[in-house]
Amino acid sequence: FVDLAEDNIQSSEIKKNIVSRIVEAISGCF
């Protein structure tokens, strides 16, 4: 809902292992 440049939106995401991040990225795209 906001019109901000990417640098002005920072997600403080939880650290996850690389496998979890890949799986979640693929699942998120689907």
Full PDB file with SEQRES, HELIX, SHEET, SSBOND, CRYST1, ORIGX, SCALE, CONECT and MASTER records, all heavy atoms in Angstrom:
SEQRES   1 A   30  PHE VAL ASP LEU ALA GLU ASP ASN ILE GLN SER SER GLU          
SEQRES   2 A   30  ILE LYS LYS ASN ILE VAL SER ARG ILE VAL GLU ALA ILE          
SEQRES   3 A   30  SER GLY CYS PHE                                              
HELIX    1 AA1 GLU A    6  ASN A    8  5                                   3    
HELIX    2 AA2 ILE A   18  CYS A   29  1                                  12    
CRYST1    1.000    1.000    1.000  90.00  90.00  90.00 P 1           1          
ORIGX1      1.000000  0.000000  0.000000        0.00000                         
ORIGX2      0.000000  1.000000  0.000000        0.00000                         
ORIGX3      0.000000  0.000000  1.000000        0.00000                         
SCALE1      1.000000  0.000000  0.000000        0.00000                         
SCALE2      0.000000  1.000000  0.000000        0.00000                         
SCALE3      0.000000  0.000000  1.000000        0.00000                         
ATOM      1  N   PHE A   1       0.805  -1.224   0.000  1.00  0.00           N  
ATOM      2  CA  PHE A   1       0.000   0.000   0.000  1.00  0.00           C  
ATOM      3  C   PHE A   1       0.838   1.274   0.000  1.00  0.00           C  
ATOM      4  O   PHE A   1       0.287   2.370   0.073  1.00  0.00           O  
ATOM      5  CB  PHE A   1      -0.923   0.007   1.228  1.00  0.00           C  
ATOM      6  CG  PHE A   1      -1.900  -1.130   1.262  1.00  0.00           C  
ATOM      7  CD1 PHE A   1      -1.688  -2.222   2.098  1.00  0.00           C  
ATOM      8  CD2 PHE A   1      -3.027  -1.123   0.453  1.00  0.00           C  
ATOM      9  CE1 PHE A   1      -2.587  -3.270   2.126  1.00  0.00           C  
ATOM     10  CE2 PHE A   1      -3.926  -2.178   0.478  1.00  0.00           C  
ATOM     11  CZ  PHE A   1      -3.703  -3.253   1.314  1.00  0.00           C  
ATOM     12  N   VAL A   2       2.150   1.150  -0.056  1.00  0.00           N  
ATOM     13  CA  VAL A   2       3.000   2.340  -0.009  1.00  0.00           C  
ATOM     14  C   VAL A   2       3.780   2.484  -1.313  1.00  0.00           C  
ATOM     15  O   VAL A   2       4.019   1.508  -2.014  1.00  0.00           O  
ATOM     16  CB  VAL A   2       3.984   2.288   1.183  1.00  0.00           C  
ATOM     17  CG1 VAL A   2       3.227   2.310   2.493  1.00  0.00           C  
ATOM     18  CG2 VAL A   2       4.893   1.072   1.097  1.00  0.00           C  
ATOM     19  N   ASP A   3       4.130   3.713  -1.614  1.00  0.00           N  
ATOM     20  CA  ASP A   3       4.929   4.009  -2.804  1.00  0.00           C  
ATOM     21  C   ASP A   3       6.289   4.508  -2.358  1.00  0.00           C  
ATOM     22  O   ASP A   3       6.580   5.709  -2.374  1.00  0.00           O  
ATOM     23  CB  ASP A   3       4.232   5.068  -3.673  1.00  0.00           C  
ATOM     24  CG  ASP A   3       2.881   4.602  -4.185  1.00  0.00           C  
ATOM     25  OD1 ASP A   3       2.783   3.432  -4.588  1.00  0.00           O  
ATOM     26  OD2 ASP A   3       1.926   5.401  -4.170  1.00  0.00           O  
ATOM     27  N   LEU A   4       7.135   3.575  -1.947  1.00  0.00           N  
ATOM     28  CA  LEU A   4       8.456   3.923  -1.449  1.00  0.00           C  
ATOM     29  C   LEU A   4       9.527   3.228  -2.276  1.00  0.00           C  
ATOM     30  O   LEU A   4       9.295   2.125  -2.798  1.00  0.00           O  
ATOM     31  CB  LEU A   4       8.613   3.514   0.017  1.00  0.00           C  
ATOM     32  CG  LEU A   4       7.752   4.249   1.060  1.00  0.00           C  
ATOM     33  CD1 LEU A   4       7.967   3.636   2.434  1.00  0.00           C  
ATOM     34  CD2 LEU A   4       8.098   5.728   1.089  1.00  0.00           C  
ATOM     35  N   ALA A   5      10.666   3.862  -2.388  1.00  0.00           N  
ATOM     36  CA  ALA A   5      11.811   3.204  -3.023  1.00  0.00           C  
ATOM     37  C   ALA A   5      12.220   2.005  -2.184  1.00  0.00           C  
ATOM     38  O   ALA A   5      11.976   1.957  -0.976  1.00  0.00           O  
ATOM     39  CB  ALA A   5      12.973   4.184  -3.149  1.00  0.00           C  
ATOM     40  N   GLU A   6      12.838   1.017  -2.835  1.00  0.00           N  
ATOM     41  CA  GLU A   6      13.204  -0.219  -2.138  1.00  0.00           C  
ATOM     42  C   GLU A   6      14.106   0.052  -0.935  1.00  0.00           C  
ATOM     43  O   GLU A   6      14.005  -0.610   0.095  1.00  0.00           O  
ATOM     44  CB  GLU A   6      13.907  -1.171  -3.117  1.00  0.00           C  
ATOM     45  CG  GLU A   6      14.190  -2.537  -2.541  1.00  0.00           C  
ATOM     46  CD  GLU A   6      14.798  -3.465  -3.561  1.00  0.00           C  
ATOM     47  OE1 GLU A   6      14.763  -3.150  -4.764  1.00  0.00           O  
ATOM     48  OE2 GLU A   6      15.330  -4.518  -3.156  1.00  0.00           O  
ATOM     49  N   ASP A   7      14.971   1.065  -1.040  1.00  0.00           N  
ATOM     50  CA  ASP A   7      15.879   1.386   0.063  1.00  0.00           C  
ATOM     51  C   ASP A   7      15.139   1.884   1.301  1.00  0.00           C  
ATOM     52  O   ASP A   7      15.681   1.868   2.408  1.00  0.00           O  
ATOM     53  CB  ASP A   7      16.894   2.458  -0.369  1.00  0.00           C  
ATOM     54  CG  ASP A   7      17.915   1.903  -1.360  1.00  0.00           C  
ATOM     55  OD1 ASP A   7      18.016   0.664  -1.461  1.00  0.00           O  
ATOM     56  OD2 ASP A   7      18.594   2.704  -2.020  1.00  0.00           O  
ATOM     57  N   ASN A   8      13.908   2.351   1.107  1.00  0.00           N  
ATOM     58  CA  ASN A   8      13.122   2.885   2.217  1.00  0.00           C  
ATOM     59  C   ASN A   8      12.145   1.869   2.794  1.00  0.00           C  
ATOM     60  O   ASN A   8      11.285   2.216   3.595  1.00  0.00           O  
ATOM     61  CB  ASN A   8      12.364   4.137   1.778  1.00  0.00           C  
ATOM     62  CG  ASN A   8      13.298   5.294   1.492  1.00  0.00           C  
ATOM     63  OD1 ASN A   8      14.378   5.371   2.066  1.00  0.00           O  
ATOM     64  ND2 ASN A   8      12.919   6.183   0.589  1.00  0.00           N  
ATOM     65  N   ILE A   9      12.251   0.615   2.335  1.00  0.00           N  
ATOM     66  CA  ILE A   9      11.456  -0.473   2.904  1.00  0.00           C  
ATOM     67  C   ILE A   9      12.439  -1.563   3.298  1.00  0.00           C  
ATOM     68  O   ILE A   9      13.039  -2.205   2.437  1.00  0.00           O  
ATOM     69  CB  ILE A   9      10.435  -1.043   1.900  1.00  0.00           C  
ATOM     70  CG1 ILE A   9       9.499   0.060   1.400  1.00  0.00           C  
ATOM     71  CG2 ILE A   9       9.628  -2.158   2.537  1.00  0.00           C  
ATOM     72  CD1 ILE A   9       8.502  -0.423   0.360  1.00  0.00           C  
ATOM     73  N   GLN A  10      12.623  -1.750   4.582  1.00  0.00           N  
ATOM     74  CA  GLN A  10      13.600  -2.734   5.047  1.00  0.00           C  
ATOM     75  C   GLN A  10      12.901  -3.776   5.896  1.00  0.00           C  
ATOM     76  O   GLN A  10      12.309  -3.453   6.920  1.00  0.00           O  
ATOM     77  CB  GLN A  10      14.707  -2.056   5.852  1.00  0.00           C  
ATOM     78  CG  GLN A  10      15.572  -1.148   5.003  1.00  0.00           C  
ATOM     79  CD  GLN A  10      16.699  -0.523   5.787  1.00  0.00           C  
ATOM     80  OE1 GLN A  10      16.918  -0.850   6.942  1.00  0.00           O  
ATOM     81  NE2 GLN A  10      17.429   0.384   5.156  1.00  0.00           N  
ATOM     82  N   SER A  11      12.961  -5.007   5.436  1.00  0.00           N  
ATOM     83  CA  SER A  11      12.349  -6.108   6.186  1.00  0.00           C  
ATOM     84  C   SER A  11      13.388  -6.743   7.087  1.00  0.00           C  
ATOM     85  O   SER A  11      14.386  -7.273   6.620  1.00  0.00           O  
ATOM     86  CB  SER A  11      11.796  -7.156   5.216  1.00  0.00           C  
ATOM     87  OG  SER A  11      11.280  -8.257   5.906  1.00  0.00           O  
ATOM     88  N   SER A  12      13.142  -6.666   8.387  1.00  0.00           N  
ATOM     89  CA  SER A  12      14.052  -7.307   9.347  1.00  0.00           C  
ATOM     90  C   SER A  12      13.674  -8.771   9.481  1.00  0.00           C  
ATOM     91  O   SER A  12      13.005  -9.192  10.414  1.00  0.00           O  
ATOM     92  CB  SER A  12      13.947  -6.621  10.708  1.00  0.00           C  
ATOM     93  OG  SER A  12      14.320  -5.284  10.612  1.00  0.00           O  
ATOM     94  N   GLU A  13      14.064  -9.540   8.495  1.00  0.00           N  
ATOM     95  CA  GLU A  13      13.614 -10.923   8.424  1.00  0.00           C  
ATOM     96  C   GLU A  13      14.421 -11.824   9.345  1.00  0.00           C  
ATOM     97  O   GLU A  13      15.558 -11.549   9.698  1.00  0.00           O  
ATOM     98  CB  GLU A  13      13.710 -11.437   6.984  1.00  0.00           C  
ATOM     99  CG  GLU A  13      12.768 -10.674   6.038  1.00  0.00           C  
ATOM    100  CD  GLU A  13      12.898 -11.170   4.626  1.00  0.00           C  
ATOM    101  OE1 GLU A  13      13.835 -11.964   4.364  1.00  0.00           O  
ATOM    102  OE2 GLU A  13      12.085 -10.787   3.787  1.00  0.00           O  
ATOM    103  N   ILE A  14      13.794 -12.931   9.704  1.00  0.00           N  
ATOM    104  CA  ILE A  14      14.432 -13.941  10.535  1.00  0.00           C  
ATOM    105  C   ILE A  14      15.510 -14.645   9.719  1.00  0.00           C  
ATOM    106  O   ILE A  14      15.324 -14.955   8.547  1.00  0.00           O  
ATOM    107  CB  ILE A  14      13.374 -14.956  11.003  1.00  0.00           C  
ATOM    108  CG1 ILE A  14      12.345 -14.253  11.891  1.00  0.00           C  
ATOM    109  CG2 ILE A  14      14.002 -16.119  11.723  1.00  0.00           C  
ATOM    110  CD1 ILE A  14      11.108 -15.091  12.134  1.00  0.00           C  
ATOM    111  N   LYS A  15      16.634 -14.904  10.332  1.00  0.00           N  
ATOM    112  CA  LYS A  15      17.696 -15.647   9.652  1.00  0.00           C  
ATOM    113  C   LYS A  15      17.286 -17.090   9.454  1.00  0.00           C  
ATOM    114  O   LYS A  15      16.802 -17.734  10.374  1.00  0.00           O  
ATOM    115  CB  LYS A  15      18.986 -15.593  10.467  1.00  0.00           C  
ATOM    116  CG  LYS A  15      19.753 -14.287  10.323  1.00  0.00           C  
ATOM    117  CD  LYS A  15      21.120 -14.438  10.942  1.00  0.00           C  
ATOM    118  CE  LYS A  15      21.982 -13.222  10.643  1.00  0.00           C  
ATOM    119  NZ  LYS A  15      23.326 -13.356  11.193  1.00  0.00           N  
ATOM    120  N   LYS A  16      17.499 -17.598   8.246  1.00  0.00           N  
ATOM    121  CA  LYS A  16      17.153 -18.983   7.953  1.00  0.00           C  
ATOM    122  C   LYS A  16      18.291 -19.610   7.176  1.00  0.00           C  
ATOM    123  O   LYS A  16      19.057 -18.917   6.509  1.00  0.00           O  
ATOM    124  CB  LYS A  16      15.851 -19.035   7.128  1.00  0.00           C  
ATOM    125  CG  LYS A  16      14.663 -18.474   7.906  1.00  0.00           C  
ATOM    126  CD  LYS A  16      13.433 -18.432   7.042  1.00  0.00           C  
ATOM    127  CE  LYS A  16      12.262 -17.833   7.816  1.00  0.00           C  
ATOM    128  NZ  LYS A  16      11.084 -17.649   6.984  1.00  0.00           N  
ATOM    129  N   ASN A  17      18.369 -20.941   7.252  1.00  0.00           N  
ATOM    130  CA  ASN A  17      19.430 -21.596   6.509  1.00  0.00           C  
ATOM    131  C   ASN A  17      19.157 -21.512   5.022  1.00  0.00           C  
ATOM    132  O   ASN A  17      18.031 -21.251   4.584  1.00  0.00           O  
ATOM    133  CB  ASN A  17      19.600 -23.055   6.981  1.00  0.00           C  
ATOM    134  CG  ASN A  17      18.356 -23.883   6.739  1.00  0.00           C  
ATOM    135  OD1 ASN A  17      17.899 -24.010   5.602  1.00  0.00           O  
ATOM    136  ND2 ASN A  17      17.795 -24.443   7.792  1.00  0.00           N  
ATOM    137  N   ILE A  18      20.171 -21.754   4.228  1.00  0.00           N  
ATOM    138  CA  ILE A  18      20.088 -21.529   2.788  1.00  0.00           C  
ATOM    139  C   ILE A  18      19.037 -22.413   2.135  1.00  0.00           C  
ATOM    140  O   ILE A  18      18.317 -21.992   1.228  1.00  0.00           O  
ATOM    141  CB  ILE A  18      21.482 -21.740   2.130  1.00  0.00           C  
ATOM    142  CG1 ILE A  18      21.447 -21.358   0.651  1.00  0.00           C  
ATOM    143  CG2 ILE A  18      21.955 -23.168   2.314  1.00  0.00           C  
ATOM    144  CD1 ILE A  18      21.182 -19.892   0.403  1.00  0.00           C  
ATOM    145  N   VAL A  19      18.898 -23.668   2.605  1.00  0.00           N  
ATOM    146  CA  VAL A  19      17.908 -24.570   2.020  1.00  0.00           C  
ATOM    147  C   VAL A  19      16.503 -24.029   2.262  1.00  0.00           C  
ATOM    148  O   VAL A  19      15.663 -23.994   1.349  1.00  0.00           O  
ATOM    149  CB  VAL A  19      18.048 -25.992   2.606  1.00  0.00           C  
ATOM    150  CG1 VAL A  19      16.929 -26.895   2.090  1.00  0.00           C  
ATOM    151  CG2 VAL A  19      19.407 -26.576   2.235  1.00  0.00           C  
ATOM    152  N   SER A  20      16.227 -23.590   3.502  1.00  0.00           N  
ATOM    153  CA  SER A  20      14.910 -23.042   3.823  1.00  0.00           C  
ATOM    154  C   SER A  20      14.608 -21.814   2.972  1.00  0.00           C  
ATOM    155  O   SER A  20      13.491 -21.633   2.491  1.00  0.00           O  
ATOM    156  CB  SER A  20      14.830 -22.678   5.307  1.00  0.00           C  
ATOM    157  OG  SER A  20      14.919 -23.825   6.113  1.00  0.00           O  
ATOM    158  N   ARG A  21      15.623 -20.978   2.769  1.00  0.00           N  
ATOM    159  CA  ARG A  21      15.404 -19.767   1.987  1.00  0.00           C  
ATOM    160  C   ARG A  21      15.111 -20.087   0.526  1.00  0.00           C  
ATOM    161  O   ARG A  21      14.257 -19.455  -0.103  1.00  0.00           O  
ATOM    162  CB  ARG A  21      16.628 -18.856   2.102  1.00  0.00           C  
ATOM    163  CG  ARG A  21      16.826 -18.311   3.508  1.00  0.00           C  
ATOM    164  CD  ARG A  21      18.089 -17.493   3.652  1.00  0.00           C  
ATOM    165  NE  ARG A  21      17.996 -16.241   2.927  1.00  0.00           N  
ATOM    166  CZ  ARG A  21      18.956 -15.323   2.923  1.00  0.00           C  
ATOM    167  NH1 ARG A  21      20.069 -15.539   3.608  1.00  0.00           N  
ATOM    168  NH2 ARG A  21      18.815 -14.208   2.257  1.00  0.00           N  
ATOM    169  N   ILE A  22      15.801 -21.089  -0.035  1.00  0.00           N  
ATOM    170  CA  ILE A  22      15.553 -21.479  -1.423  1.00  0.00           C  
ATOM    171  C   ILE A  22      14.153 -22.059  -1.560  1.00  0.00           C  
ATOM    172  O   ILE A  22      13.390 -21.695  -2.473  1.00  0.00           O  
ATOM    173  CB  ILE A  22      16.605 -22.496  -1.901  1.00  0.00           C  
ATOM    174  CG1 ILE A  22      17.977 -21.825  -2.021  1.00  0.00           C  
ATOM    175  CG2 ILE A  22      16.197 -23.108  -3.244  1.00  0.00           C  
ATOM    176  CD1 ILE A  22      19.113 -22.785  -2.310  1.00  0.00           C  
ATOM    177  N   VAL A  23      13.801 -22.965  -0.641  1.00  0.00           N  
ATOM    178  CA  VAL A  23      12.482 -23.605  -0.691  1.00  0.00           C  
ATOM    179  C   VAL A  23      11.376 -22.562  -0.563  1.00  0.00           C  
ATOM    180  O   VAL A  23      10.384 -22.581  -1.292  1.00  0.00           O  
ATOM    181  CB  VAL A  23      12.350 -24.671   0.417  1.00  0.00           C  
ATOM    182  CG1 VAL A  23      10.903 -25.122   0.567  1.00  0.00           C  
ATOM    183  CG2 VAL A  23      13.236 -25.873   0.101  1.00  0.00           C  
ATOM    184  N   GLU A  24      11.547 -21.631   0.375  1.00  0.00           N  
ATOM    185  CA  GLU A  24      10.518 -20.623   0.592  1.00  0.00           C  
ATOM    186  C   GLU A  24      10.427 -19.654  -0.581  1.00  0.00           C  
ATOM    187  O   GLU A  24       9.340 -19.173  -0.908  1.00  0.00           O  
ATOM    188  CB  GLU A  24      10.781 -19.877   1.896  1.00  0.00           C  
ATOM    189  CG  GLU A  24      10.523 -20.747   3.121  1.00  0.00           C  
ATOM    190  CD  GLU A  24      10.679 -19.987   4.423  1.00  0.00           C  
ATOM    191  OE1 GLU A  24      10.687 -18.737   4.383  1.00  0.00           O  
ATOM    192  OE2 GLU A  24      10.772 -20.642   5.469  1.00  0.00           O  
ATOM    193  N   ALA A  25      11.564 -19.382  -1.229  1.00  0.00           N  
ATOM    194  CA  ALA A  25      11.534 -18.512  -2.405  1.00  0.00           C  
ATOM    195  C   ALA A  25      10.757 -19.171  -3.537  1.00  0.00           C  
ATOM    196  O   ALA A  25       9.908 -18.542  -4.182  1.00  0.00           O  
ATOM    197  CB  ALA A  25      12.958 -18.187  -2.859  1.00  0.00           C  
ATOM    198  N   ILE A  26      11.032 -20.462  -3.780  1.00  0.00           N  
ATOM    199  CA  ILE A  26      10.325 -21.176  -4.841  1.00  0.00           C  
ATOM    200  C   ILE A  26       8.842 -21.280  -4.507  1.00  0.00           C  
ATOM    201  O   ILE A  26       7.971 -21.013  -5.346  1.00  0.00           O  
ATOM    202  CB  ILE A  26      10.936 -22.578  -5.049  1.00  0.00           C  
ATOM    203  CG1 ILE A  26      12.376 -22.458  -5.577  1.00  0.00           C  
ATOM    204  CG2 ILE A  26      10.085 -23.396  -6.020  1.00  0.00           C  
ATOM    205  CD1 ILE A  26      13.114 -23.779  -5.670  1.00  0.00           C  
ATOM    206  N   SER A  27       8.522 -21.659  -3.253  1.00  0.00           N  
ATOM    207  CA  SER A  27       7.128 -21.774  -2.847  1.00  0.00           C  
ATOM    208  C   SER A  27       6.427 -20.422  -2.932  1.00  0.00           C  
ATOM    209  O   SER A  27       5.263 -20.342  -3.337  1.00  0.00           O  
ATOM    210  CB  SER A  27       7.040 -22.308  -1.414  1.00  0.00           C  
ATOM    211  OG  SER A  27       7.584 -23.606  -1.329  1.00  0.00           O  
ATOM    212  N   GLY A  28       7.142 -19.357  -2.545  1.00  0.00           N  
ATOM    213  CA  GLY A  28       6.562 -18.024  -2.602  1.00  0.00           C  
ATOM    214  C   GLY A  28       6.224 -17.597  -4.017  1.00  0.00           C  
ATOM    215  O   GLY A  28       5.221 -16.928  -4.258  1.00  0.00           O  
ATOM    216  N   CYS A  29       7.059 -17.973  -4.970  1.00  0.00           N  
ATOM    217  CA  CYS A  29       6.790 -17.648  -6.369  1.00  0.00           C  
ATOM    218  C   CYS A  29       5.605 -18.443  -6.906  1.00  0.00           C  
ATOM    219  O   CYS A  29       4.896 -17.988  -7.811  1.00  0.00           O  
ATOM    220  CB  CYS A  29       8.031 -17.913  -7.228  1.00  0.00           C  
ATOM    221  SG  CYS A  29       9.418 -16.804  -6.877  1.00  0.00           S  
ATOM    222  N   PHE A  30       5.392 -19.639  -6.366  1.00  0.00           N  
ATOM    223  CA  PHE A  30       4.300 -20.476  -6.834  1.00  0.00           C  
ATOM    224  C   PHE A  30       2.958 -20.114  -6.205  1.00  0.00           C  
ATOM    225  O   PHE A  30       1.904 -20.359  -6.795  1.00  0.00           O  
ATOM    226  CB  PHE A  30       4.590 -21.955  -6.547  1.00  0.00           C  
ATOM    227  CG  PHE A  30       5.227 -22.662  -7.694  1.00  0.00           C  
ATOM    228  CD1 PHE A  30       6.584 -22.617  -7.879  1.00  0.00           C  
ATOM    229  CD2 PHE A  30       4.463 -23.357  -8.611  1.00  0.00           C  
ATOM    230  CE1 PHE A  30       7.193 -23.257  -8.944  1.00  0.00           C  
ATOM    231  CE2 PHE A  30       5.045 -23.995  -9.675  1.00  0.00           C  
ATOM    232  CZ  PHE A  30       6.417 -23.951  -9.849  1.00  0.00           C  
TER     233      PHE A  30                                                      
MASTER        0    0    0    2    0    0    0    6  232    1    0    3          
END                                                                             
